[in-house]
Amino acid sequence: MLRHSCHSREQILARLADRATESRFPLTPQRIVHDVRQVMPEDGIVCLDNGMYKIGSPETIGPTRLANTLLLDNALATMGAGLPSAMMASMLHPARRVLAVCGDGGFMMNSQEMETAVRLRLNLVVLILQDNAYGMIRWKQAVDSFADWGLTFGNPDFVKYAESYGAKGCQVDSADGLAPALETAFMGGGVHLVAVPVDYSENIRVLVEELRRAVPSAGSS
């Protein structure tokens, strides 16, 4: 049983790491995680919000090398928690790099806390993964063959939005632009927002199409 579990975990990690350096744009979640790892030091703190991107993120960002450097709620559906978590981490550890990773839906549920972060003069970077949709719900409804209705939305100009709170903003517009943008934000200090478009098609392929082939009854109820 143990051998089977280890083998399964190795297969999962291999699948999650697949195409981690692919130059596709918008970026895949695998590439985003790869680039985040490049700029976060051993004691850097990553705070995850909730959303489609979080599937695989704990496995691929980890294994962590220090305790309490990857903060997440383990799928308790607390959308909007990423930014406040990062703010508290920054208050407790002002000398360490702190990164909030949020989907656009989750971020906009609590985005007004950018003002609090700026007012408290915190040092943190907020990474927004932009797909203009409630991606997790779209996936769940696709698995159950429900209509894709009411799950997409428009977003503000995130650069201008960050600046309206007194923070700095950056929009990533190329496959190789994320890691440099994050590094520049961390080096600059203060509150920064980095927005990057994300391509969830790989997640859909693995979590919807392949799931249906493996379990023919999936989505038929």
N, C-alpha and C. Protein backbone atom coordinates (compact mmCIF):
# COMPACT_ATOMS: atom_id res chain seq x y z
N MET A 1 0.83 -1.21 0.00
CA MET A 1 0.00 0.00 0.00
C MET A 1 0.86 1.25 0.00
N LEU A 2 1.93 1.25 0.80
CA LEU A 2 2.82 2.40 0.88
C LEU A 2 3.51 2.62 -0.45
N ARG A 3 3.95 1.50 -1.08
CA ARG A 3 4.63 1.63 -2.37
C ARG A 3 3.68 2.22 -3.40
N HIS A 4 2.42 1.78 -3.37
CA HIS A 4 1.44 2.31 -4.32
C HIS A 4 1.22 3.80 -4.10
N SER A 5 1.12 4.23 -2.84
CA SER A 5 0.89 5.63 -2.52
C SER A 5 2.05 6.48 -2.99
N CYS A 6 3.27 6.02 -2.75
CA CYS A 6 4.45 6.77 -3.16
C CYS A 6 4.50 6.89 -4.67
N HIS A 7 4.17 5.77 -5.35
CA HIS A 7 4.19 5.80 -6.80
C HIS A 7 3.15 6.78 -7.33
N SER A 8 1.97 6.79 -6.71
CA SER A 8 0.93 7.70 -7.14
C SER A 8 1.36 9.15 -6.93
N ARG A 9 2.01 9.43 -5.81
CA ARG A 9 2.47 10.79 -5.54
C ARG A 9 3.51 11.20 -6.57
N GLU A 10 4.41 10.30 -6.93
CA GLU A 10 5.41 10.62 -7.94
C GLU A 10 4.75 10.92 -9.28
N GLN A 11 3.71 10.17 -9.61
CA GLN A 11 3.00 10.44 -10.86
C GLN A 11 2.31 11.80 -10.82
N ILE A 12 1.72 12.13 -9.68
CA ILE A 12 1.05 13.43 -9.54
C ILE A 12 2.06 14.57 -9.67
N LEU A 13 3.20 14.45 -8.99
CA LEU A 13 4.21 15.50 -9.06
C LEU A 13 4.75 15.65 -10.47
N ALA A 14 4.92 14.53 -11.17
CA ALA A 14 5.42 14.58 -12.54
C ALA A 14 4.42 15.30 -13.44
N ARG A 15 3.11 15.00 -13.24
CA ARG A 15 2.09 15.65 -14.05
C ARG A 15 2.03 17.15 -13.76
N LEU A 16 2.12 17.50 -12.48
CA LEU A 16 2.05 18.91 -12.11
C LEU A 16 3.25 19.70 -12.62
N ALA A 17 4.41 19.04 -12.69
CA ALA A 17 5.62 19.72 -13.13
C ALA A 17 5.75 19.77 -14.65
N ASP A 18 4.89 19.01 -15.34
CA ASP A 18 4.95 18.98 -16.79
C ASP A 18 4.74 20.36 -17.38
N ARG A 19 5.59 20.73 -18.34
CA ARG A 19 5.48 22.01 -19.02
C ARG A 19 5.73 23.20 -18.10
N ALA A 20 6.52 22.98 -17.06
CA ALA A 20 6.77 24.05 -16.08
C ALA A 20 7.57 25.20 -16.66
N THR A 21 8.29 24.95 -17.74
CA THR A 21 9.09 26.02 -18.35
C THR A 21 8.58 26.36 -19.75
N GLU A 22 7.38 25.93 -20.07
CA GLU A 22 6.82 26.20 -21.39
C GLU A 22 6.57 27.69 -21.58
N SER A 23 6.86 28.18 -22.77
CA SER A 23 6.74 29.61 -23.05
C SER A 23 5.38 29.96 -23.62
N ARG A 24 4.34 29.29 -23.17
CA ARG A 24 2.98 29.60 -23.58
C ARG A 24 2.51 30.86 -22.87
N PHE A 25 1.71 31.66 -23.58
CA PHE A 25 1.12 32.84 -22.95
C PHE A 25 -0.32 32.97 -23.41
N PRO A 26 -1.25 33.13 -22.48
CA PRO A 26 -1.11 33.27 -21.04
C PRO A 26 -0.42 32.08 -20.38
N LEU A 27 0.13 32.31 -19.22
CA LEU A 27 0.94 31.30 -18.55
C LEU A 27 0.07 30.18 -17.99
N THR A 28 0.64 28.96 -17.96
CA THR A 28 -0.01 27.85 -17.28
C THR A 28 0.25 27.96 -15.78
N PRO A 29 -0.59 27.35 -14.95
CA PRO A 29 -0.31 27.34 -13.52
C PRO A 29 1.06 26.74 -13.20
N GLN A 30 1.48 25.73 -13.98
CA GLN A 30 2.79 25.12 -13.73
C GLN A 30 3.92 26.12 -13.93
N ARG A 31 3.83 26.92 -14.97
CA ARG A 31 4.87 27.92 -15.24
C ARG A 31 4.86 29.00 -14.16
N ILE A 32 3.68 29.39 -13.72
CA ILE A 32 3.58 30.40 -12.68
C ILE A 32 4.24 29.92 -11.39
N VAL A 33 3.94 28.67 -11.01
CA VAL A 33 4.56 28.11 -9.81
C VAL A 33 6.07 28.03 -9.98
N HIS A 34 6.53 27.62 -11.14
CA HIS A 34 7.98 27.55 -11.41
C HIS A 34 8.63 28.91 -11.21
N ASP A 35 8.01 29.96 -11.75
CA ASP A 35 8.61 31.29 -11.65
C ASP A 35 8.55 31.83 -10.22
N VAL A 36 7.48 31.52 -9.51
CA VAL A 36 7.40 31.93 -8.10
C VAL A 36 8.54 31.31 -7.31
N ARG A 37 8.83 30.06 -7.57
CA ARG A 37 9.92 29.39 -6.85
C ARG A 37 11.26 30.06 -7.12
N GLN A 38 11.42 30.67 -8.30
CA GLN A 38 12.69 31.29 -8.64
C GLN A 38 12.97 32.54 -7.80
N VAL A 39 11.91 33.22 -7.36
CA VAL A 39 12.12 34.50 -6.67
C VAL A 39 11.89 34.41 -5.16
N MET A 40 11.35 33.29 -4.69
CA MET A 40 11.08 33.17 -3.25
C MET A 40 12.23 32.43 -2.57
N PRO A 41 12.88 33.06 -1.60
CA PRO A 41 13.97 32.40 -0.88
C PRO A 41 13.43 31.35 0.08
N GLU A 42 14.35 30.66 0.74
CA GLU A 42 13.96 29.58 1.65
C GLU A 42 13.01 30.05 2.73
N ASP A 43 13.21 31.26 3.24
CA ASP A 43 12.34 31.76 4.31
C ASP A 43 11.22 32.64 3.79
N GLY A 44 11.05 32.74 2.48
CA GLY A 44 9.95 33.52 1.93
C GLY A 44 8.61 32.87 2.25
N ILE A 45 7.58 33.69 2.40
CA ILE A 45 6.26 33.20 2.79
C ILE A 45 5.28 33.41 1.65
N VAL A 46 4.67 32.30 1.20
CA VAL A 46 3.66 32.34 0.15
C VAL A 46 2.29 32.09 0.79
N CYS A 47 1.36 33.00 0.55
CA CYS A 47 0.01 32.89 1.11
C CYS A 47 -0.98 32.68 -0.04
N LEU A 48 -1.64 31.53 -0.04
CA LEU A 48 -2.56 31.20 -1.12
C LEU A 48 -3.98 31.61 -0.76
N ASP A 49 -4.66 32.20 -1.73
CA ASP A 49 -6.09 32.44 -1.63
C ASP A 49 -6.79 31.15 -2.04
N ASN A 50 -8.00 31.23 -2.52
CA ASN A 50 -8.72 30.05 -3.01
C ASN A 50 -9.08 30.22 -4.47
N GLY A 51 -9.05 29.13 -5.22
CA GLY A 51 -9.41 29.19 -6.62
C GLY A 51 -8.83 28.02 -7.39
N MET A 52 -9.07 28.02 -8.69
CA MET A 52 -8.66 26.92 -9.55
C MET A 52 -7.15 26.72 -9.54
N TYR A 53 -6.41 27.83 -9.43
CA TYR A 53 -4.95 27.75 -9.48
C TYR A 53 -4.39 26.95 -8.31
N LYS A 54 -5.14 26.88 -7.20
CA LYS A 54 -4.57 26.27 -6.00
C LYS A 54 -4.45 24.75 -6.12
N ILE A 55 -5.15 24.16 -7.09
CA ILE A 55 -5.00 22.72 -7.30
C ILE A 55 -3.58 22.46 -7.78
N GLY A 56 -2.82 21.75 -6.99
CA GLY A 56 -1.44 21.46 -7.37
C GLY A 56 -0.43 22.42 -6.79
N SER A 57 -0.83 23.63 -6.41
CA SER A 57 0.15 24.58 -5.91
C SER A 57 0.88 24.11 -4.66
N PRO A 58 0.18 23.54 -3.65
CA PRO A 58 0.93 23.06 -2.48
C PRO A 58 1.96 22.00 -2.83
N GLU A 59 1.62 21.12 -3.77
CA GLU A 59 2.55 20.06 -4.14
C GLU A 59 3.74 20.60 -4.91
N THR A 60 3.48 21.52 -5.85
CA THR A 60 4.55 21.98 -6.72
C THR A 60 5.40 23.06 -6.08
N ILE A 61 4.80 23.91 -5.24
CA ILE A 61 5.61 24.89 -4.52
C ILE A 61 6.44 24.19 -3.46
N GLY A 62 5.86 23.19 -2.82
CA GLY A 62 6.57 22.40 -1.82
C GLY A 62 7.46 21.37 -2.47
N PRO A 63 8.22 20.60 -1.69
CA PRO A 63 8.18 20.66 -0.23
C PRO A 63 8.85 21.93 0.31
N THR A 64 8.22 22.55 1.29
CA THR A 64 8.80 23.74 1.88
C THR A 64 10.00 23.35 2.72
N ARG A 65 10.92 24.28 2.86
CA ARG A 65 12.16 24.00 3.60
C ARG A 65 12.12 24.52 5.03
N LEU A 66 11.18 25.44 5.30
CA LEU A 66 11.00 25.95 6.65
C LEU A 66 9.52 25.91 7.00
N ALA A 67 9.22 25.73 8.26
CA ALA A 67 7.82 25.68 8.70
C ALA A 67 7.13 27.03 8.48
N ASN A 68 5.85 26.97 8.18
CA ASN A 68 5.00 28.16 8.05
C ASN A 68 5.46 29.10 6.93
N THR A 69 5.97 28.53 5.86
CA THR A 69 6.32 29.36 4.70
C THR A 69 5.36 29.17 3.54
N LEU A 70 4.38 28.28 3.68
CA LEU A 70 3.30 28.13 2.71
C LEU A 70 1.99 28.09 3.49
N LEU A 71 1.23 29.16 3.40
CA LEU A 71 0.01 29.30 4.19
C LEU A 71 -1.20 29.13 3.29
N LEU A 72 -2.09 28.18 3.64
CA LEU A 72 -3.31 27.95 2.90
C LEU A 72 -4.34 27.35 3.83
N ASP A 73 -5.61 27.42 3.43
CA ASP A 73 -6.66 26.93 4.31
C ASP A 73 -7.10 25.51 3.96
N ASN A 74 -6.44 24.88 3.00
CA ASN A 74 -6.74 23.50 2.60
C ASN A 74 -8.19 23.34 2.16
N ALA A 75 -8.58 24.22 1.23
CA ALA A 75 -9.87 24.10 0.54
C ALA A 75 -11.08 24.33 1.44
N LEU A 76 -11.00 25.31 2.34
CA LEU A 76 -12.16 25.67 3.15
C LEU A 76 -13.02 26.73 2.47
N ALA A 77 -12.68 27.04 1.22
CA ALA A 77 -13.48 27.95 0.39
C ALA A 77 -13.51 29.39 0.92
N THR A 78 -12.46 29.80 1.60
CA THR A 78 -12.40 31.17 2.12
C THR A 78 -11.82 32.11 1.07
N MET A 79 -12.60 32.37 0.03
CA MET A 79 -12.14 33.29 -1.00
C MET A 79 -11.93 34.68 -0.39
N GLY A 80 -10.82 35.31 -0.75
CA GLY A 80 -10.49 36.61 -0.21
C GLY A 80 -9.50 36.57 0.93
N ALA A 81 -9.05 35.38 1.33
CA ALA A 81 -8.16 35.25 2.48
C ALA A 81 -6.69 35.49 2.15
N GLY A 82 -6.33 35.44 0.88
CA GLY A 82 -4.92 35.51 0.52
C GLY A 82 -4.25 36.81 0.92
N LEU A 83 -4.87 37.93 0.59
CA LEU A 83 -4.27 39.23 0.89
C LEU A 83 -4.17 39.47 2.40
N PRO A 84 -5.24 39.29 3.19
CA PRO A 84 -5.11 39.48 4.64
C PRO A 84 -4.07 38.55 5.27
N SER A 85 -3.98 37.32 4.79
CA SER A 85 -2.96 36.39 5.31
C SER A 85 -1.56 36.94 5.06
N ALA A 86 -1.35 37.44 3.87
CA ALA A 86 -0.04 38.00 3.53
C ALA A 86 0.26 39.24 4.35
N MET A 87 -0.75 40.05 4.61
CA MET A 87 -0.55 41.25 5.41
C MET A 87 -0.10 40.89 6.82
N MET A 88 -0.73 39.90 7.43
CA MET A 88 -0.33 39.50 8.77
C MET A 88 1.06 38.91 8.77
N ALA A 89 1.38 38.12 7.73
CA ALA A 89 2.72 37.54 7.63
C ALA A 89 3.77 38.63 7.51
N SER A 90 3.45 39.68 6.76
CA SER A 90 4.39 40.79 6.60
C SER A 90 4.57 41.56 7.90
N MET A 91 3.48 41.71 8.65
CA MET A 91 3.58 42.40 9.93
C MET A 91 4.44 41.62 10.92
N LEU A 92 4.33 40.30 10.88
CA LEU A 92 5.11 39.46 11.79
C LEU A 92 6.56 39.30 11.35
N HIS A 93 6.79 39.32 10.04
CA HIS A 93 8.13 39.07 9.49
C HIS A 93 8.47 40.14 8.45
N PRO A 94 8.67 41.38 8.88
CA PRO A 94 8.86 42.49 7.93
C PRO A 94 10.12 42.37 7.08
N ALA A 95 11.09 41.57 7.51
CA ALA A 95 12.34 41.47 6.74
C ALA A 95 12.31 40.34 5.71
N ARG A 96 11.23 39.55 5.69
CA ARG A 96 11.16 38.41 4.78
C ARG A 96 10.26 38.73 3.58
N ARG A 97 10.51 38.05 2.47
CA ARG A 97 9.66 38.22 1.30
C ARG A 97 8.32 37.54 1.55
N VAL A 98 7.24 38.28 1.29
CA VAL A 98 5.89 37.75 1.47
C VAL A 98 5.13 37.94 0.16
N LEU A 99 4.52 36.86 -0.31
CA LEU A 99 3.78 36.89 -1.57
C LEU A 99 2.38 36.34 -1.35
N ALA A 100 1.36 37.12 -1.70
CA ALA A 100 -0.01 36.63 -1.75
C ALA A 100 -0.30 36.20 -3.18
N VAL A 101 -0.83 34.99 -3.35
CA VAL A 101 -1.21 34.50 -4.66
C VAL A 101 -2.73 34.37 -4.68
N CYS A 102 -3.38 35.15 -5.55
CA CYS A 102 -4.85 35.22 -5.55
C CYS A 102 -5.38 35.09 -6.98
N GLY A 103 -6.49 34.37 -7.12
CA GLY A 103 -7.25 34.48 -8.34
C GLY A 103 -7.94 35.83 -8.38
N ASP A 104 -8.34 36.26 -9.57
CA ASP A 104 -8.97 37.58 -9.66
C ASP A 104 -10.30 37.61 -8.92
N GLY A 105 -11.06 36.51 -8.92
CA GLY A 105 -12.32 36.47 -8.19
C GLY A 105 -12.13 36.60 -6.70
N GLY A 106 -11.19 35.84 -6.15
CA GLY A 106 -10.92 35.90 -4.72
C GLY A 106 -10.34 37.24 -4.30
N PHE A 107 -9.43 37.77 -5.11
CA PHE A 107 -8.82 39.06 -4.77
C PHE A 107 -9.85 40.16 -4.67
N MET A 108 -10.79 40.21 -5.63
CA MET A 108 -11.76 41.30 -5.65
C MET A 108 -12.76 41.20 -4.50
N MET A 109 -12.82 40.07 -3.80
CA MET A 109 -13.70 39.96 -2.64
C MET A 109 -13.15 40.69 -1.42
N ASN A 110 -11.85 40.98 -1.43
CA ASN A 110 -11.24 41.62 -0.27
C ASN A 110 -10.18 42.63 -0.69
N SER A 111 -10.27 43.11 -1.91
CA SER A 111 -9.20 43.95 -2.47
C SER A 111 -9.06 45.29 -1.77
N GLN A 112 -10.12 45.72 -1.07
CA GLN A 112 -10.03 47.01 -0.37
C GLN A 112 -8.95 47.01 0.70
N GLU A 113 -8.51 45.82 1.10
CA GLU A 113 -7.45 45.75 2.11
C GLU A 113 -6.10 46.21 1.57
N MET A 114 -6.02 46.45 0.26
CA MET A 114 -4.82 47.09 -0.27
C MET A 114 -4.58 48.42 0.42
N GLU A 115 -5.66 49.15 0.69
CA GLU A 115 -5.52 50.44 1.39
C GLU A 115 -4.90 50.24 2.77
N THR A 116 -5.35 49.21 3.48
CA THR A 116 -4.81 48.93 4.81
C THR A 116 -3.33 48.61 4.73
N ALA A 117 -2.97 47.77 3.75
CA ALA A 117 -1.56 47.38 3.59
C ALA A 117 -0.68 48.59 3.31
N VAL A 118 -1.17 49.49 2.46
CA VAL A 118 -0.39 50.70 2.15
C VAL A 118 -0.31 51.60 3.38
N ARG A 119 -1.43 51.76 4.08
CA ARG A 119 -1.45 52.63 5.25
C ARG A 119 -0.52 52.13 6.34
N LEU A 120 -0.41 50.82 6.47
CA LEU A 120 0.48 50.24 7.47
C LEU A 120 1.93 50.14 6.99
N ARG A 121 2.17 50.58 5.76
CA ARG A 121 3.51 50.59 5.18
C ARG A 121 4.14 49.20 5.18
N LEU A 122 3.36 48.24 4.76
CA LEU A 122 3.86 46.87 4.71
C LEU A 122 4.69 46.65 3.47
N ASN A 123 5.50 45.61 3.52
CA ASN A 123 6.27 45.16 2.35
C ASN A 123 5.70 43.81 1.91
N LEU A 124 4.98 43.81 0.80
CA LEU A 124 4.45 42.55 0.29
C LEU A 124 4.09 42.71 -1.18
N VAL A 125 4.02 41.57 -1.85
CA VAL A 125 3.67 41.53 -3.26
C VAL A 125 2.41 40.69 -3.41
N VAL A 126 1.46 41.19 -4.18
CA VAL A 126 0.21 40.46 -4.45
C VAL A 126 0.22 40.04 -5.91
N LEU A 127 0.19 38.74 -6.14
CA LEU A 127 0.17 38.19 -7.50
C LEU A 127 -1.26 37.81 -7.85
N ILE A 128 -1.82 38.45 -8.88
CA ILE A 128 -3.18 38.18 -9.31
C ILE A 128 -3.14 37.32 -10.56
N LEU A 129 -3.77 36.15 -10.51
CA LEU A 129 -3.90 35.26 -11.66
C LEU A 129 -5.25 35.54 -12.31
N GLN A 130 -5.21 36.06 -13.51
CA GLN A 130 -6.40 36.63 -14.13
C GLN A 130 -6.95 35.72 -15.22
N ASP A 131 -8.17 35.19 -14.98
CA ASP A 131 -8.88 34.45 -16.03
C ASP A 131 -10.29 35.00 -16.24
N ASN A 132 -10.63 36.07 -15.52
CA ASN A 132 -11.93 36.74 -15.67
C ASN A 132 -13.09 35.78 -15.44
N ALA A 133 -12.92 34.89 -14.44
CA ALA A 133 -13.97 33.91 -14.18
C ALA A 133 -13.79 33.31 -12.80
N TYR A 134 -14.86 32.71 -12.29
CA TYR A 134 -14.77 31.87 -11.09
C TYR A 134 -14.36 30.48 -11.56
N GLY A 135 -13.05 30.30 -11.73
CA GLY A 135 -12.52 29.11 -12.40
C GLY A 135 -12.84 27.80 -11.70
N MET A 136 -12.80 27.79 -10.38
CA MET A 136 -13.07 26.56 -9.65
C MET A 136 -14.50 26.10 -9.86
N ILE A 137 -15.45 27.04 -9.81
CA ILE A 137 -16.85 26.69 -10.00
C ILE A 137 -17.09 26.25 -11.44
N ARG A 138 -16.43 26.89 -12.39
CA ARG A 138 -16.57 26.48 -13.79
C ARG A 138 -16.13 25.03 -13.96
N TRP A 139 -15.01 24.68 -13.30
CA TRP A 139 -14.53 23.29 -13.38
C TRP A 139 -15.55 22.34 -12.78
N LYS A 140 -16.04 22.64 -11.58
CA LYS A 140 -16.97 21.74 -10.92
C LYS A 140 -18.26 21.58 -11.74
N GLN A 141 -18.73 22.66 -12.33
CA GLN A 141 -19.95 22.56 -13.12
C GLN A 141 -19.70 21.81 -14.42
N ALA A 142 -18.51 21.96 -14.99
CA ALA A 142 -18.19 21.22 -16.21
C ALA A 142 -18.14 19.72 -15.94
N VAL A 143 -17.58 19.34 -14.78
CA VAL A 143 -17.51 17.93 -14.42
C VAL A 143 -18.91 17.33 -14.33
N ASP A 144 -19.87 18.11 -13.83
CA ASP A 144 -21.24 17.64 -13.67
C ASP A 144 -22.13 17.96 -14.87
N SER A 145 -21.50 18.44 -15.94
CA SER A 145 -22.21 18.73 -17.20
C SER A 145 -23.28 19.80 -17.04
N PHE A 146 -23.07 20.73 -16.12
CA PHE A 146 -23.98 21.86 -15.99
C PHE A 146 -23.58 22.95 -16.98
N ALA A 147 -24.53 23.80 -17.30
CA ALA A 147 -24.26 24.90 -18.22
C ALA A 147 -23.30 25.90 -17.59
N ASP A 148 -22.42 26.45 -18.42
CA ASP A 148 -21.48 27.47 -17.97
C ASP A 148 -22.20 28.82 -18.02
N TRP A 149 -22.80 29.18 -16.92
CA TRP A 149 -23.66 30.38 -16.89
C TRP A 149 -23.33 31.25 -15.69
N GLY A 150 -23.11 32.54 -15.93
CA GLY A 150 -22.92 33.50 -14.86
C GLY A 150 -21.60 33.39 -14.12
N LEU A 151 -20.59 32.78 -14.73
CA LEU A 151 -19.34 32.52 -14.03
C LEU A 151 -18.18 33.34 -14.55
N THR A 152 -18.42 34.17 -15.55
CA THR A 152 -17.38 35.05 -16.06
C THR A 152 -17.72 36.49 -15.68
N PHE A 153 -16.70 37.32 -15.63
CA PHE A 153 -16.91 38.71 -15.21
C PHE A 153 -15.79 39.58 -15.76
N GLY A 154 -15.99 40.87 -15.69
CA GLY A 154 -14.95 41.81 -16.08
C GLY A 154 -14.12 42.23 -14.88
N ASN A 155 -12.92 42.69 -15.13
CA ASN A 155 -12.02 43.13 -14.07
C ASN A 155 -11.62 44.59 -14.29
N PRO A 156 -11.21 45.27 -13.24
CA PRO A 156 -10.65 46.60 -13.42
C PRO A 156 -9.27 46.51 -14.05
N ASP A 157 -8.74 47.63 -14.45
CA ASP A 157 -7.33 47.72 -14.83
C ASP A 157 -6.54 47.58 -13.53
N PHE A 158 -5.92 46.43 -13.33
CA PHE A 158 -5.31 46.15 -12.03
C PHE A 158 -4.15 47.10 -11.71
N VAL A 159 -3.43 47.57 -12.71
CA VAL A 159 -2.34 48.51 -12.45
C VAL A 159 -2.91 49.82 -11.89
N LYS A 160 -3.93 50.35 -12.55
CA LYS A 160 -4.55 51.58 -12.07
C LYS A 160 -5.25 51.35 -10.74
N TYR A 161 -5.81 50.18 -10.56
CA TYR A 161 -6.49 49.86 -9.31
C TYR A 161 -5.50 49.90 -8.15
N ALA A 162 -4.34 49.27 -8.33
CA ALA A 162 -3.32 49.30 -7.28
C ALA A 162 -2.86 50.72 -7.00
N GLU A 163 -2.65 51.49 -8.06
CA GLU A 163 -2.17 52.86 -7.90
C GLU A 163 -3.21 53.73 -7.18
N SER A 164 -4.49 53.42 -7.35
CA SER A 164 -5.53 54.21 -6.69
C SER A 164 -5.46 54.07 -5.17
N TYR A 165 -4.84 53.00 -4.69
CA TYR A 165 -4.65 52.80 -3.25
C TYR A 165 -3.28 53.27 -2.77
N GLY A 166 -2.47 53.76 -3.69
CA GLY A 166 -1.13 54.19 -3.32
C GLY A 166 -0.10 53.08 -3.43
N ALA A 167 -0.49 51.94 -3.98
CA ALA A 167 0.46 50.85 -4.22
C ALA A 167 1.02 50.97 -5.63
N LYS A 168 1.91 50.08 -5.98
CA LYS A 168 2.46 50.03 -7.34
C LYS A 168 1.89 48.82 -8.05
N GLY A 169 1.69 48.95 -9.37
CA GLY A 169 1.11 47.86 -10.14
C GLY A 169 1.91 47.53 -11.38
N CYS A 170 1.80 46.27 -11.81
CA CYS A 170 2.51 45.82 -13.01
C CYS A 170 1.66 44.77 -13.70
N GLN A 171 1.51 44.87 -15.02
CA GLN A 171 0.79 43.87 -15.81
C GLN A 171 1.81 43.07 -16.62
N VAL A 172 1.86 41.77 -16.41
CA VAL A 172 2.77 40.90 -17.16
C VAL A 172 2.17 40.63 -18.53
N ASP A 173 2.96 40.84 -19.58
CA ASP A 173 2.43 40.67 -20.93
C ASP A 173 3.26 39.74 -21.80
N SER A 174 4.11 38.91 -21.18
CA SER A 174 4.88 37.94 -21.94
C SER A 174 5.20 36.74 -21.06
N ALA A 175 5.52 35.62 -21.68
CA ALA A 175 5.79 34.39 -20.93
C ALA A 175 6.99 34.53 -20.02
N ASP A 176 7.95 35.33 -20.42
CA ASP A 176 9.17 35.47 -19.63
C ASP A 176 9.14 36.70 -18.72
N GLY A 177 7.98 37.32 -18.60
CA GLY A 177 7.93 38.57 -17.84
C GLY A 177 7.59 38.43 -16.37
N LEU A 178 7.10 37.26 -15.94
CA LEU A 178 6.61 37.16 -14.57
C LEU A 178 7.72 37.21 -13.54
N ALA A 179 8.72 36.34 -13.67
CA ALA A 179 9.79 36.31 -12.67
C ALA A 179 10.49 37.66 -12.52
N PRO A 180 10.86 38.34 -13.63
CA PRO A 180 11.47 39.67 -13.47
C PRO A 180 10.54 40.68 -12.81
N ALA A 181 9.23 40.59 -13.11
CA ALA A 181 8.28 41.52 -12.51
C ALA A 181 8.20 41.30 -11.00
N LEU A 182 8.17 40.04 -10.58
CA LEU A 182 8.12 39.74 -9.15
C LEU A 182 9.41 40.20 -8.46
N GLU A 183 10.54 39.95 -9.09
CA GLU A 183 11.82 40.34 -8.49
C GLU A 183 11.90 41.86 -8.34
N THR A 184 11.48 42.58 -9.37
CA THR A 184 11.48 44.04 -9.30
C THR A 184 10.57 44.54 -8.19
N ALA A 185 9.41 43.91 -8.05
CA ALA A 185 8.47 44.31 -7.00
C ALA A 185 9.07 44.09 -5.62
N PHE A 186 9.67 42.95 -5.39
CA PHE A 186 10.27 42.69 -4.09
C PHE A 186 11.42 43.65 -3.80
N MET A 187 12.22 43.92 -4.80
CA MET A 187 13.36 44.83 -4.60
C MET A 187 12.89 46.26 -4.33
N GLY A 188 11.74 46.62 -4.85
CA GLY A 188 11.25 47.98 -4.68
C GLY A 188 10.71 48.28 -3.30
N GLY A 189 10.27 47.23 -2.58
CA GLY A 189 9.69 47.45 -1.26
C GLY A 189 8.31 48.06 -1.33
N GLY A 190 7.61 48.05 -0.22
CA GLY A 190 6.25 48.56 -0.19
C GLY A 190 5.26 47.53 -0.72
N VAL A 191 4.07 48.00 -1.09
CA VAL A 191 3.00 47.13 -1.56
C VAL A 191 2.97 47.16 -3.09
N HIS A 192 3.07 45.99 -3.68
CA HIS A 192 3.06 45.87 -5.14
C HIS A 192 1.99 44.86 -5.56
N LEU A 193 1.37 45.12 -6.69
CA LEU A 193 0.44 44.18 -7.30
C LEU A 193 0.99 43.80 -8.67
N VAL A 194 1.07 42.50 -8.93
CA VAL A 194 1.51 41.99 -10.23
C VAL A 194 0.37 41.14 -10.79
N ALA A 195 -0.15 41.52 -11.94
CA ALA A 195 -1.25 40.79 -12.57
C ALA A 195 -0.72 40.01 -13.77
N VAL A 196 -1.14 38.76 -13.90
CA VAL A 196 -0.71 37.93 -15.02
C VAL A 196 -1.88 37.08 -15.51
N PRO A 197 -2.11 37.04 -16.82
CA PRO A 197 -3.16 36.16 -17.35
C PRO A 197 -2.75 34.70 -17.16
N VAL A 198 -3.74 33.84 -16.87
CA VAL A 198 -3.46 32.42 -16.62
C VAL A 198 -4.30 31.58 -17.58
N ASP A 199 -3.70 30.49 -18.05
CA ASP A 199 -4.36 29.55 -18.96
C ASP A 199 -4.64 28.27 -18.20
N TYR A 200 -5.92 28.00 -17.93
CA TYR A 200 -6.30 26.82 -17.16
C TYR A 200 -6.64 25.62 -18.05
N SER A 201 -6.32 25.68 -19.32
CA SER A 201 -6.72 24.59 -20.21
C SER A 201 -6.08 23.27 -19.81
N GLU A 202 -4.86 23.32 -19.27
CA GLU A 202 -4.22 22.08 -18.82
C GLU A 202 -4.97 21.49 -17.63
N ASN A 203 -5.42 22.34 -16.73
CA ASN A 203 -6.21 21.85 -15.60
C ASN A 203 -7.50 21.19 -16.07
N ILE A 204 -8.15 21.82 -17.07
CA ILE A 204 -9.39 21.25 -17.60
C ILE A 204 -9.12 19.90 -18.26
N ARG A 205 -8.01 19.82 -18.99
CA ARG A 205 -7.68 18.55 -19.65
C ARG A 205 -7.51 17.44 -18.62
N VAL A 206 -6.79 17.74 -17.55
CA VAL A 206 -6.51 16.71 -16.56
C VAL A 206 -7.71 16.45 -15.66
N LEU A 207 -8.39 17.52 -15.23
CA LEU A 207 -9.41 17.39 -14.19
C LEU A 207 -10.82 17.19 -14.73
N VAL A 208 -11.03 17.41 -16.01
CA VAL A 208 -12.35 17.18 -16.59
C VAL A 208 -12.30 16.06 -17.62
N GLU A 209 -11.50 16.28 -18.68
CA GLU A 209 -11.49 15.32 -19.78
C GLU A 209 -10.91 13.97 -19.36
N GLU A 210 -9.72 13.99 -18.73
CA GLU A 210 -9.12 12.73 -18.33
C GLU A 210 -9.90 12.06 -17.20
N LEU A 211 -10.51 12.86 -16.34
CA LEU A 211 -11.34 12.29 -15.26
C LEU A 211 -12.53 11.54 -15.84
N ARG A 212 -13.14 12.11 -16.86
CA ARG A 212 -14.28 11.44 -17.48
C ARG A 212 -13.87 10.13 -18.15
N ARG A 213 -12.67 10.13 -18.76
CA ARG A 213 -12.23 8.88 -19.40
C ARG A 213 -11.91 7.82 -18.35
N ALA A 214 -11.33 8.26 -17.23
CA ALA A 214 -10.98 7.30 -16.18
C ALA A 214 -12.20 6.81 -15.42
N VAL A 215 -13.17 7.71 -15.24
CA VAL A 215 -14.39 7.36 -14.50
C VAL A 215 -15.58 7.73 -15.39
N PRO A 216 -16.03 6.81 -16.25
CA PRO A 216 -17.07 7.15 -17.22
C PRO A 216 -18.34 7.71 -16.61
N SER A 217 -18.62 7.37 -15.36
CA SER A 217 -19.84 7.86 -14.73
C SER A 217 -19.72 9.29 -14.24
N ALA A 218 -18.51 9.87 -14.24
CA ALA A 218 -18.32 11.24 -13.74
C ALA A 218 -19.14 12.21 -14.60
N GLY A 219 -19.94 13.00 -13.93
CA GLY A 219 -20.72 14.00 -14.63
C GLY A 219 -22.03 13.48 -15.19
N SER A 220 -22.32 12.19 -15.03
CA SER A 220 -23.53 11.65 -15.60
C SER A 220 -24.71 11.68 -14.66
N SER A 221 -24.44 12.01 -13.37
CA SER A 221 -25.54 12.01 -12.41
C SER A 221 -26.38 13.25 -12.53
